[in-house]
C-alpha atoms as a PDB file:
ATOM      1  CA  MET A   1     168.094 132.889  64.958  1.00  0.00           C
ATOM      2  CA  SER A   2     164.512 133.922  65.307  1.00  0.00           C
ATOM      3  CA  PRO A   3     163.011 134.972  68.857  1.00  0.00           C
ATOM      4  CA  ALA A   4     160.801 131.948  68.891  1.00  0.00           C
ATOM      5  CA  ALA A   5     164.364 129.708  68.139  1.00  0.00           C
ATOM      6  CA  SER A   6     166.121 131.623  71.040  1.00  0.00           C
ATOM      7  CA  ALA A   7     163.530 130.984  73.776  1.00  0.00           C
ATOM      8  CA  PRO A   8     164.912 128.237  75.117  1.00  0.00           C
ATOM      9  CA  LEU A   9     168.671 129.532  75.210  1.00  0.00           C
ATOM     10  CA  ASP A  10     167.278 132.630  76.794  1.00  0.00           C
ATOM     11  CA  THR A  11     165.946 130.096  79.638  1.00  0.00           C
ATOM     12  CA  ILE A  12     168.854 128.352  79.911  1.00  0.00           C
ATOM     13  CA  PHE A  13     171.259 131.733  80.296  1.00  0.00           C
ATOM     14  CA  MET A  14     168.438 132.776  82.521  1.00  0.00           C
ATOM     15  CA  ALA A  15     168.599 129.898  84.638  1.00  0.00           C
ATOM     16  CA  LEU A  16     172.634 130.055  85.138  1.00  0.00           C
ATOM     17  CA  ALA A  17     172.587 134.010  85.583  1.00  0.00           C
ATOM     18  CA  ASP A  18     171.549 133.430  89.298  1.00  0.00           C
ATOM     19  CA  PRO A  19     174.555 132.305  91.780  1.00  0.00           C
ATOM     20  CA  THR A  20     172.271 130.315  93.839  1.00  0.00           C
ATOM     21  CA  ARG A  21     170.975 127.926  90.776  1.00  0.00           C
ATOM     22  CA  ARG A  22     174.732 127.657  89.986  1.00  0.00           C
ATOM     23  CA  ALA A  23     175.431 126.629  93.246  1.00  0.00           C
ATOM     24  CA  ILE A  24     172.720 124.026  93.175  1.00  0.00           C
ATOM     25  CA  LEU A  25     174.199 122.525  89.639  1.00  0.00           C
ATOM     26  CA  SER A  26     177.481 122.322  91.305  1.00  0.00           C
ATOM     27  CA  MET A  27     175.734 120.382  94.426  1.00  0.00           C
ATOM     28  CA  LEU A  28     174.162 118.182  91.725  1.00  0.00           C
ATOM     29  CA  LEU A  29     177.366 117.218  89.977  1.00  0.00           C
ATOM     30  CA  GLU A  30     178.222 114.853  92.355  1.00  0.00           C
ATOM     31  CA  ASP A  31     174.808 112.769  92.949  1.00  0.00           C
ATOM     32  CA  ASP A  32     170.892 113.221  92.615  1.00  0.00           C
ATOM     33  CA  MET A  33     169.919 115.141  95.799  1.00  0.00           C
ATOM     34  CA  ALA A  34     166.724 115.185  97.912  1.00  0.00           C
ATOM     35  CA  VAL A  35     164.991 118.752  97.809  1.00  0.00           C
ATOM     36  CA  THR A  36     165.662 119.111 101.623  1.00  0.00           C
ATOM     37  CA  ASP A  37     169.525 118.207 101.160  1.00  0.00           C
ATOM     38  CA  VAL A  38     170.019 120.626  98.313  1.00  0.00           C
ATOM     39  CA  ALA A  39     168.202 123.092 100.873  1.00  0.00           C
ATOM     40  CA  ALA A  40     170.156 122.394 103.541  1.00  0.00           C
ATOM     41  CA  PRO A  41     173.326 124.452 102.945  1.00  0.00           C
ATOM     42  CA  LEU A  42     171.594 127.469 101.523  1.00  0.00           C
ATOM     43  CA  PRO A  43     170.679 130.688 103.591  1.00  0.00           C
ATOM     44  CA  MET A  44     167.160 130.539 102.334  1.00  0.00           C
ATOM     45  CA  SER A  45     163.949 128.655 102.886  1.00  0.00           C
ATOM     46  CA  LEU A  46     162.743 125.617 101.620  1.00  0.00           C
ATOM     47  CA  ALA A  47     160.236 127.470  99.565  1.00  0.00           C
ATOM     48  CA  ALA A  48     162.868 129.662  98.063  1.00  0.00           C
ATOM     49  CA  VAL A  49     164.840 126.744  96.856  1.00  0.00           C
ATOM     50  CA  SER A  50     161.860 125.219  95.658  1.00  0.00           C
ATOM     51  CA  LYS A  51     161.298 128.179  93.380  1.00  0.00           C
ATOM     52  CA  HIS A  52     165.183 127.856  92.210  1.00  0.00           C
ATOM     53  CA  LEU A  53     164.649 124.279  91.432  1.00  0.00           C
ATOM     54  CA  ALA A  54     161.297 125.122  89.207  1.00  0.00           C
ATOM     55  CA  ILE A  55     163.339 127.593  87.229  1.00  0.00           C
ATOM     56  CA  LEU A  56     166.387 125.111  86.702  1.00  0.00           C
ATOM     57  CA  ALA A  57     163.541 122.282  85.851  1.00  0.00           C
ATOM     58  CA  GLY A  58     161.938 124.636  83.629  1.00  0.00           C
ATOM     59  CA  ALA A  59     165.115 125.265  81.731  1.00  0.00           C
ATOM     60  CA  GLY A  60     166.119 121.630  81.447  1.00  0.00           C
ATOM     61  CA  LEU A  61     169.199 121.909  83.600  1.00  0.00           C
ATOM     62  CA  ILE A  62     168.042 119.245  86.177  1.00  0.00           C
ATOM     63  CA  SER A  63     165.045 116.719  86.446  1.00  0.00           C
ATOM     64  CA  GLN A  64     162.859 116.030  89.394  1.00  0.00           C
ATOM     65  CA  GLU A  65     160.947 112.766  90.447  1.00  0.00           C
ATOM     66  CA  LYS A  66     159.173 111.579  93.736  1.00  0.00           C
ATOM     67  CA  ARG A  67     160.546 108.483  95.414  1.00  0.00           C
ATOM     68  CA  GLY A  68     158.563 107.921  98.056  1.00  0.00           C
ATOM     69  CA  ARG A  69     157.604 110.677 100.026  1.00  0.00           C
ATOM     70  CA  VAL A  70     160.559 112.567  98.789  1.00  0.00           C
ATOM     71  CA  LYS A  71     161.391 114.874  95.628  1.00  0.00           C
ATOM     72  CA  TRP A  72     164.791 113.964  94.152  1.00  0.00           C
ATOM     73  CA  CYS A  73     166.929 116.285  91.820  1.00  0.00           C
ATOM     74  CA  LYS A  74     169.025 115.307  89.043  1.00  0.00           C
ATOM     75  CA  LEU A  75     171.637 117.134  86.980  1.00  0.00           C
ATOM     76  CA  GLU A  76     170.607 116.896  83.112  1.00  0.00           C
ATOM     77  CA  PRO A  77     173.980 117.974  81.926  1.00  0.00           C
ATOM     78  CA  ASP A  78     172.997 117.499  78.040  1.00  0.00           C
ATOM     79  CA  SER A  79     170.620 120.263  78.282  1.00  0.00           C
ATOM     80  CA  LEU A  80     173.803 122.149  78.093  1.00  0.00           C
ATOM     81  CA  ARG A  81     174.297 121.381  74.554  1.00  0.00           C
ATOM     82  CA  ALA A  82     172.063 123.923  73.099  1.00  0.00           C
ATOM     83  CA  ALA A  83     174.061 126.899  74.617  1.00  0.00           C
ATOM     84  CA  SER A  84     177.288 125.136  73.936  1.00  0.00           C
ATOM     85  CA  VAL A  85     176.449 125.060  70.135  1.00  0.00           C
ATOM     86  CA  TRP A  86     174.938 128.724  70.309  1.00  0.00           C
ATOM     87  CA  MET A  87     178.619 129.591  71.783  1.00  0.00           C
ATOM     88  CA  GLN A  88     180.543 127.754  69.231  1.00  0.00           C
ATOM     89  CA  ALA A  89     179.102 129.757  66.649  1.00  0.00           C
ATOM     90  CA  PHE A  90     181.039 132.525  67.458  1.00  0.00           C
ATOM     91  CA  GLY A  91     184.389 130.717  66.994  1.00  0.00           C
ATOM     92  CA  GLN A  92     185.609 131.623  70.269  1.00  0.00           C
ATOM     93  CA  PHE A  93     184.563 128.813  72.430  1.00  0.00           C
ATOM     94  CA  GLU A  94     185.132 125.049  72.952  1.00  0.00           C
ATOM     95  CA  PRO A  95     182.299 122.667  73.512  1.00  0.00           C
ATOM     96  CA  VAL A  96     181.493 122.408  76.988  1.00  0.00           C
ATOM     97  CA  ASN A  97     183.667 120.195  79.242  1.00  0.00           C
ATOM     98  CA  LEU A  98     181.780 119.178  81.971  1.00  0.00           C
ATOM     99  CA  ASP A  99     185.078 118.647  84.168  1.00  0.00           C
ATOM    100  CA  ALA A 100     185.643 122.169  83.545  1.00  0.00           C
ATOM    101  CA  PHE A 101     181.943 123.129  84.046  1.00  0.00           C
ATOM    102  CA  GLU A 102     182.496 121.567  87.709  1.00  0.00           C
ATOM    103  CA  ARG A 103     185.770 123.372  88.837  1.00  0.00           C
ATOM    104  CA  PHE A 104     183.851 126.550  87.534  1.00  0.00           C
ATOM    105  CA  LEU A 105     180.800 125.878  89.495  1.00  0.00           C
ATOM    106  CA  GLU A 106     183.122 124.870  92.504  1.00  0.00           C
ATOM    107  CA  SER A 107     184.913 128.212  92.579  1.00  0.00           C
ATOM    108  CA  ASP A 108     181.764 130.146  91.965  1.00  0.00           C
ATOM    109  CA  LEU A 109     180.168 128.227  94.861  1.00  0.00           C
ATOM    110  CA  ALA A 110     182.881 129.263  97.139  1.00  0.00           C
ATOM    111  CA  GLN A 111     182.743 132.555  96.284  1.00  0.00           C
ATOM    112  CA  ASP A 112     178.851 132.950  96.598  1.00  0.00           C
ATOM    113  CA  LEU A 113     178.124 131.143  99.732  1.00  0.00           C
ATOM    114  CA  PRO A 114     178.822 132.540 103.599  1.00  0.00           C
ATOM    115  CA  ALA A 115     181.582 130.908 105.231  1.00  0.00           C
ATOM    116  CA  ASP A 116     180.345 128.903 108.173  1.00  0.00           C
END
């Protein structure tokens, strides 16, 4: 794979490498969310959450749209297809199972976020 062809994969894997961004993806598995609702359970400023959201959007993992005065975030699960195809090339990985991915994100989220 050429460096230019691997750039989208690099962006996806870089976005998935951060536990906060994985937690955000886990939250968005349930439904679209307003940015302020995404930020509410996270122990950081709204500006910091917005930076994480920009990275996820840049990787194509989420989309954002403005509805009235509120910015909404939506999970784009098909964006994981390129990563899944790349991993399948090694013959050791199954296609991405979104239910299993959801369980992984939920367990990872439980480990990464501080207890209330």
